[in-house]
Amino acid sequence: MPEQTFDATPVPSAGGAALSAEDAKLVTLARSSRARVGAVEGAAVRDQDGRTYAAASVALPSLPLTALQLAVAQAASAGASRLEAAAVVTEASTLDGAGYAAVRDLSADAPVHVAGPNGSLLGTVTS
């Protein structure tokens, strides 16, 4: 299978917006996943039934995955057909394109919240 490349997605400024309790939980799960293994990124998603899946980025020679790709894959493998929301904790100022594409595979309109390592919301990508 040919390797696909995806452009990074700009993250609009949060502008002081606050997250709902459910979305704040996603950020907490993403932070925990990232910190547990010292990964570059952590991510979490919530499916249509309210189940959450958290993951950290993987950098194996034969299997490089962003945290968001892995969290979406976990949701899909558990039978999720739609995502309600996603969160990524990263030091980057953009959202990785491959993870964003994975979210869009299951949901055209799920917000993707991007937070810094300290959990502060940097912004939310909605389209």
N, C-alpha and C. Protein backbone atom coordinates (compact mmCIF):
# COMPACT_ATOMS: atom_id res chain seq x y z
N MET A 1 0.85 -1.17 0.00
CA MET A 1 0.00 0.00 0.00
C MET A 1 0.90 1.23 0.00
N PRO A 2 0.63 2.18 -0.90
CA PRO A 2 1.47 3.39 -0.93
C PRO A 2 1.26 4.23 0.32
N GLU A 3 2.34 4.84 0.74
CA GLU A 3 2.27 5.69 1.93
C GLU A 3 1.55 6.99 1.59
N GLN A 4 0.62 7.39 2.45
CA GLN A 4 -0.10 8.63 2.25
C GLN A 4 0.53 9.71 3.10
N THR A 5 0.48 10.92 2.60
CA THR A 5 0.94 12.05 3.39
C THR A 5 -0.20 13.04 3.53
N PHE A 6 -0.25 13.68 4.68
CA PHE A 6 -1.31 14.64 4.97
C PHE A 6 -0.68 15.91 5.50
N ASP A 7 -1.16 17.04 5.03
CA ASP A 7 -0.66 18.32 5.51
C ASP A 7 -1.17 18.57 6.92
N ALA A 8 -0.37 19.26 7.71
CA ALA A 8 -0.79 19.65 9.06
C ALA A 8 -1.94 20.65 8.94
N THR A 9 -2.82 20.61 9.93
CA THR A 9 -3.98 21.50 9.96
C THR A 9 -3.74 22.62 10.95
N PRO A 10 -3.89 23.88 10.54
CA PRO A 10 -3.73 24.98 11.49
C PRO A 10 -4.77 24.90 12.61
N VAL A 11 -4.38 25.33 13.79
CA VAL A 11 -5.27 25.31 14.94
C VAL A 11 -5.68 26.75 15.26
N PRO A 12 -6.99 27.05 15.13
CA PRO A 12 -7.42 28.41 15.48
C PRO A 12 -7.28 28.65 16.98
N SER A 13 -7.00 29.86 17.35
CA SER A 13 -6.82 30.21 18.77
C SER A 13 -8.10 29.94 19.55
N ALA A 14 -7.92 29.47 20.79
CA ALA A 14 -9.05 29.17 21.66
C ALA A 14 -9.78 30.43 22.08
N GLY A 15 -9.09 31.54 22.15
CA GLY A 15 -9.72 32.80 22.50
C GLY A 15 -10.41 32.79 23.85
N GLY A 16 -9.89 32.04 24.79
CA GLY A 16 -10.46 32.01 26.14
C GLY A 16 -11.65 31.09 26.28
N ALA A 17 -11.95 30.31 25.25
CA ALA A 17 -13.09 29.38 25.33
C ALA A 17 -12.81 28.28 26.34
N ALA A 18 -13.88 27.84 27.00
CA ALA A 18 -13.76 26.75 27.97
C ALA A 18 -14.35 25.48 27.38
N LEU A 19 -13.80 24.35 27.79
CA LEU A 19 -14.31 23.06 27.33
C LEU A 19 -15.43 22.57 28.24
N SER A 20 -16.32 21.77 27.67
CA SER A 20 -17.32 21.10 28.49
C SER A 20 -16.61 20.08 29.38
N ALA A 21 -17.27 19.61 30.40
CA ALA A 21 -16.66 18.62 31.30
C ALA A 21 -16.26 17.37 30.54
N GLU A 22 -17.07 16.93 29.59
CA GLU A 22 -16.75 15.72 28.81
C GLU A 22 -15.52 15.93 27.95
N ASP A 23 -15.40 17.10 27.33
CA ASP A 23 -14.24 17.38 26.49
C ASP A 23 -12.98 17.61 27.33
N ALA A 24 -13.14 18.20 28.51
CA ALA A 24 -12.00 18.37 29.42
C ALA A 24 -11.47 17.01 29.85
N LYS A 25 -12.36 16.03 30.01
CA LYS A 25 -11.94 14.67 30.34
C LYS A 25 -11.07 14.09 29.23
N LEU A 26 -11.41 14.38 27.97
CA LEU A 26 -10.59 13.90 26.86
C LEU A 26 -9.17 14.46 26.94
N VAL A 27 -9.07 15.74 27.28
CA VAL A 27 -7.74 16.36 27.41
C VAL A 27 -6.96 15.69 28.55
N THR A 28 -7.63 15.42 29.66
CA THR A 28 -6.98 14.76 30.79
C THR A 28 -6.49 13.37 30.40
N LEU A 29 -7.30 12.61 29.69
CA LEU A 29 -6.90 11.28 29.24
C LEU A 29 -5.72 11.35 28.27
N ALA A 30 -5.75 12.33 27.37
CA ALA A 30 -4.66 12.50 26.41
C ALA A 30 -3.36 12.87 27.11
N ARG A 31 -3.46 13.75 28.09
CA ARG A 31 -2.26 14.14 28.86
C ARG A 31 -1.68 12.94 29.59
N SER A 32 -2.53 12.14 30.19
CA SER A 32 -2.09 10.95 30.94
C SER A 32 -1.41 9.95 30.02
N SER A 33 -1.99 9.72 28.85
CA SER A 33 -1.40 8.78 27.90
C SER A 33 -0.02 9.24 27.45
N ARG A 34 0.09 10.52 27.17
CA ARG A 34 1.37 11.09 26.74
C ARG A 34 2.42 10.97 27.84
N ALA A 35 2.04 11.34 29.05
CA ALA A 35 2.98 11.34 30.17
C ALA A 35 3.41 9.93 30.58
N ARG A 36 2.48 8.98 30.51
CA ARG A 36 2.76 7.62 30.96
C ARG A 36 3.98 7.02 30.26
N VAL A 37 4.14 7.30 28.97
CA VAL A 37 5.24 6.70 28.22
C VAL A 37 6.23 7.73 27.69
N GLY A 38 6.03 8.99 28.05
CA GLY A 38 6.94 10.04 27.58
C GLY A 38 6.85 10.25 26.08
N ALA A 39 5.66 10.11 25.53
CA ALA A 39 5.46 10.22 24.08
C ALA A 39 5.41 11.68 23.64
N VAL A 40 5.58 11.87 22.36
CA VAL A 40 5.51 13.20 21.77
C VAL A 40 4.10 13.76 21.88
N GLU A 41 3.10 12.89 21.65
CA GLU A 41 1.71 13.31 21.70
C GLU A 41 0.86 12.30 22.44
N GLY A 42 -0.24 12.79 22.98
CA GLY A 42 -1.27 11.93 23.54
C GLY A 42 -2.59 12.36 22.94
N ALA A 43 -3.53 11.44 22.83
CA ALA A 43 -4.83 11.78 22.25
C ALA A 43 -5.91 10.94 22.90
N ALA A 44 -7.13 11.42 22.79
CA ALA A 44 -8.29 10.68 23.26
C ALA A 44 -9.47 11.04 22.39
N VAL A 45 -10.36 10.07 22.19
CA VAL A 45 -11.58 10.31 21.42
C VAL A 45 -12.77 9.75 22.19
N ARG A 46 -13.95 10.30 21.90
CA ARG A 46 -15.20 9.82 22.49
C ARG A 46 -16.11 9.40 21.34
N ASP A 47 -16.67 8.18 21.42
CA ASP A 47 -17.52 7.70 20.34
C ASP A 47 -18.99 8.03 20.58
N GLN A 48 -19.84 7.56 19.69
CA GLN A 48 -21.26 7.88 19.71
C GLN A 48 -21.97 7.36 20.95
N ASP A 49 -21.38 6.39 21.64
CA ASP A 49 -21.98 5.84 22.85
C ASP A 49 -21.37 6.42 24.13
N GLY A 50 -20.45 7.38 23.97
CA GLY A 50 -19.81 8.01 25.12
C GLY A 50 -18.58 7.26 25.62
N ARG A 51 -18.20 6.20 24.92
CA ARG A 51 -16.98 5.47 25.32
C ARG A 51 -15.76 6.27 24.89
N THR A 52 -14.71 6.21 25.72
CA THR A 52 -13.49 6.95 25.40
C THR A 52 -12.34 6.00 25.13
N TYR A 53 -11.43 6.46 24.29
CA TYR A 53 -10.24 5.70 23.91
C TYR A 53 -9.07 6.67 23.95
N ALA A 54 -8.00 6.27 24.61
CA ALA A 54 -6.83 7.14 24.74
C ALA A 54 -5.60 6.41 24.22
N ALA A 55 -4.66 7.18 23.68
CA ALA A 55 -3.45 6.59 23.11
C ALA A 55 -2.31 7.59 23.11
N ALA A 56 -1.12 7.07 22.94
CA ALA A 56 0.07 7.89 22.78
C ALA A 56 0.67 7.59 21.40
N SER A 57 1.46 8.50 20.90
CA SER A 57 2.08 8.28 19.60
C SER A 57 3.04 7.09 19.66
N VAL A 58 3.16 6.41 18.52
CA VAL A 58 4.01 5.22 18.41
C VAL A 58 5.04 5.51 17.33
N ALA A 59 6.30 5.22 17.62
CA ALA A 59 7.36 5.49 16.65
C ALA A 59 8.21 4.24 16.40
N LEU A 60 7.55 3.15 16.06
CA LEU A 60 8.27 1.93 15.71
C LEU A 60 8.74 2.04 14.26
N PRO A 61 9.87 1.44 13.90
CA PRO A 61 10.34 1.53 12.52
C PRO A 61 9.31 1.05 11.50
N SER A 62 8.56 0.02 11.83
CA SER A 62 7.58 -0.51 10.88
C SER A 62 6.17 0.00 11.13
N LEU A 63 5.97 0.80 12.18
CA LEU A 63 4.62 1.25 12.51
C LEU A 63 4.62 2.63 13.17
N PRO A 64 4.81 3.68 12.39
CA PRO A 64 4.70 5.02 12.97
C PRO A 64 3.23 5.46 12.96
N LEU A 65 2.70 5.79 14.13
CA LEU A 65 1.32 6.26 14.24
C LEU A 65 1.26 7.48 15.14
N THR A 66 0.44 8.44 14.75
CA THR A 66 0.21 9.56 15.64
C THR A 66 -0.73 9.09 16.74
N ALA A 67 -0.75 9.80 17.83
CA ALA A 67 -1.62 9.44 18.94
C ALA A 67 -3.09 9.46 18.51
N LEU A 68 -3.45 10.44 17.70
CA LEU A 68 -4.84 10.55 17.26
C LEU A 68 -5.21 9.39 16.33
N GLN A 69 -4.31 9.00 15.44
CA GLN A 69 -4.57 7.85 14.58
C GLN A 69 -4.84 6.60 15.43
N LEU A 70 -4.02 6.39 16.45
CA LEU A 70 -4.16 5.20 17.28
C LEU A 70 -5.44 5.23 18.10
N ALA A 71 -5.80 6.38 18.64
CA ALA A 71 -7.05 6.48 19.41
C ALA A 71 -8.25 6.22 18.51
N VAL A 72 -8.24 6.75 17.29
CA VAL A 72 -9.33 6.50 16.34
C VAL A 72 -9.36 5.02 15.96
N ALA A 73 -8.20 4.42 15.74
CA ALA A 73 -8.15 3.00 15.40
C ALA A 73 -8.72 2.14 16.52
N GLN A 74 -8.42 2.48 17.76
CA GLN A 74 -8.98 1.75 18.89
C GLN A 74 -10.50 1.86 18.91
N ALA A 75 -11.02 3.05 18.67
CA ALA A 75 -12.46 3.25 18.65
C ALA A 75 -13.09 2.44 17.52
N ALA A 76 -12.50 2.51 16.34
CA ALA A 76 -13.04 1.78 15.19
C ALA A 76 -12.99 0.27 15.43
N SER A 77 -11.91 -0.21 16.02
CA SER A 77 -11.80 -1.65 16.25
C SER A 77 -12.76 -2.13 17.34
N ALA A 78 -13.26 -1.22 18.16
CA ALA A 78 -14.25 -1.56 19.18
C ALA A 78 -15.68 -1.40 18.66
N GLY A 79 -15.80 -1.01 17.38
CA GLY A 79 -17.13 -0.92 16.78
C GLY A 79 -17.71 0.47 16.67
N ALA A 80 -16.95 1.49 17.01
CA ALA A 80 -17.47 2.86 16.90
C ALA A 80 -17.74 3.19 15.44
N SER A 81 -18.88 3.80 15.21
CA SER A 81 -19.22 4.20 13.85
C SER A 81 -19.18 5.72 13.69
N ARG A 82 -19.07 6.42 14.81
CA ARG A 82 -19.03 7.89 14.77
C ARG A 82 -18.28 8.40 16.00
N LEU A 83 -17.60 9.52 15.85
CA LEU A 83 -16.93 10.17 16.97
C LEU A 83 -17.68 11.44 17.34
N GLU A 84 -17.78 11.69 18.64
CA GLU A 84 -18.40 12.94 19.12
C GLU A 84 -17.37 14.04 19.26
N ALA A 85 -16.15 13.68 19.71
CA ALA A 85 -15.10 14.68 19.93
C ALA A 85 -13.76 13.98 20.06
N ALA A 86 -12.71 14.77 19.91
CA ALA A 86 -11.34 14.26 20.05
C ALA A 86 -10.49 15.34 20.71
N ALA A 87 -9.40 14.92 21.33
CA ALA A 87 -8.44 15.86 21.92
C ALA A 87 -7.03 15.35 21.68
N VAL A 88 -6.13 16.28 21.44
CA VAL A 88 -4.71 15.96 21.26
C VAL A 88 -3.91 16.86 22.18
N VAL A 89 -2.95 16.28 22.88
CA VAL A 89 -2.02 17.06 23.70
C VAL A 89 -0.66 16.98 23.02
N THR A 90 -0.11 18.14 22.69
CA THR A 90 1.11 18.19 21.91
C THR A 90 1.85 19.49 22.18
N GLU A 91 3.11 19.51 21.81
CA GLU A 91 3.88 20.74 21.86
C GLU A 91 3.82 21.48 20.53
N ALA A 92 3.27 20.84 19.51
CA ALA A 92 3.19 21.45 18.18
C ALA A 92 2.10 22.52 18.15
N SER A 93 2.22 23.42 17.20
CA SER A 93 1.22 24.48 17.06
C SER A 93 0.20 24.14 15.98
N THR A 94 0.35 22.97 15.36
CA THR A 94 -0.60 22.52 14.35
C THR A 94 -1.07 21.12 14.71
N LEU A 95 -2.17 20.73 14.11
CA LEU A 95 -2.72 19.40 14.28
C LEU A 95 -2.17 18.53 13.17
N ASP A 96 -1.65 17.34 13.52
CA ASP A 96 -1.08 16.49 12.48
C ASP A 96 -2.16 16.09 11.49
N GLY A 97 -1.80 16.11 10.23
CA GLY A 97 -2.77 15.85 9.17
C GLY A 97 -3.30 14.43 9.16
N ALA A 98 -2.45 13.45 9.47
CA ALA A 98 -2.89 12.06 9.44
C ALA A 98 -3.91 11.77 10.54
N GLY A 99 -3.69 12.29 11.72
CA GLY A 99 -4.65 12.11 12.81
C GLY A 99 -5.96 12.80 12.52
N TYR A 100 -5.87 14.00 11.97
CA TYR A 100 -7.07 14.75 11.62
C TYR A 100 -7.88 13.98 10.57
N ALA A 101 -7.19 13.42 9.58
CA ALA A 101 -7.87 12.64 8.54
C ALA A 101 -8.56 11.42 9.14
N ALA A 102 -7.93 10.78 10.12
CA ALA A 102 -8.53 9.61 10.77
C ALA A 102 -9.83 9.99 11.48
N VAL A 103 -9.82 11.13 12.17
CA VAL A 103 -11.04 11.59 12.84
C VAL A 103 -12.13 11.82 11.79
N ARG A 104 -11.78 12.47 10.70
CA ARG A 104 -12.76 12.78 9.66
C ARG A 104 -13.28 11.52 8.97
N ASP A 105 -12.54 10.43 9.02
CA ASP A 105 -13.04 9.17 8.47
C ASP A 105 -14.29 8.71 9.21
N LEU A 106 -14.38 9.01 10.50
CA LEU A 106 -15.53 8.60 11.30
C LEU A 106 -16.52 9.72 11.59
N SER A 107 -16.12 10.95 11.40
CA SER A 107 -17.02 12.06 11.71
C SER A 107 -16.62 13.31 10.94
N ALA A 108 -17.57 13.84 10.22
CA ALA A 108 -17.30 15.05 9.44
C ALA A 108 -17.30 16.31 10.29
N ASP A 109 -17.89 16.22 11.50
CA ASP A 109 -18.04 17.45 12.27
C ASP A 109 -17.58 17.37 13.73
N ALA A 110 -16.92 16.30 14.12
CA ALA A 110 -16.45 16.21 15.51
C ALA A 110 -15.36 17.24 15.77
N PRO A 111 -15.48 18.01 16.85
CA PRO A 111 -14.42 18.97 17.16
C PRO A 111 -13.16 18.24 17.61
N VAL A 112 -12.01 18.76 17.21
CA VAL A 112 -10.72 18.22 17.65
C VAL A 112 -10.05 19.32 18.47
N HIS A 113 -10.00 19.11 19.78
CA HIS A 113 -9.40 20.08 20.69
C HIS A 113 -7.90 19.82 20.76
N VAL A 114 -7.12 20.87 20.65
CA VAL A 114 -5.66 20.75 20.72
C VAL A 114 -5.20 21.50 21.97
N ALA A 115 -4.47 20.80 22.83
CA ALA A 115 -4.01 21.39 24.08
C ALA A 115 -2.50 21.24 24.20
N GLY A 116 -1.91 22.12 24.98
CA GLY A 116 -0.50 22.04 25.27
C GLY A 116 -0.24 21.00 26.35
N PRO A 117 1.03 20.68 26.61
CA PRO A 117 1.37 19.67 27.61
C PRO A 117 0.81 19.95 29.00
N ASN A 118 0.57 21.22 29.31
CA ASN A 118 0.01 21.55 30.63
C ASN A 118 -1.50 21.45 30.66
N GLY A 119 -2.12 21.07 29.53
CA GLY A 119 -3.55 20.91 29.46
C GLY A 119 -4.32 22.15 29.02
N SER A 120 -3.62 23.26 28.80
CA SER A 120 -4.32 24.48 28.39
C SER A 120 -4.74 24.36 26.93
N LEU A 121 -5.96 24.73 26.65
CA LEU A 121 -6.52 24.63 25.32
C LEU A 121 -5.84 25.65 24.40
N LEU A 122 -5.27 25.14 23.30
CA LEU A 122 -4.66 26.01 22.30
C LEU A 122 -5.70 26.44 21.26
N GLY A 123 -6.62 25.52 20.96
CA GLY A 123 -7.66 25.82 19.98
C GLY A 123 -8.43 24.57 19.63
N THR A 124 -9.45 24.76 18.82
CA THR A 124 -10.30 23.65 18.40
C THR A 124 -10.50 23.71 16.90
N VAL A 125 -10.28 22.57 16.25
CA VAL A 125 -10.49 22.45 14.80
C VAL A 125 -11.86 21.83 14.60
N THR A 126 -12.72 22.50 13.86
CA THR A 126 -14.08 22.00 13.68
C THR A 126 -14.41 21.63 12.25
N SER A 127 -13.61 22.03 11.31
CA SER A 127 -13.92 21.65 9.92
C SER A 127 -12.66 21.37 9.15
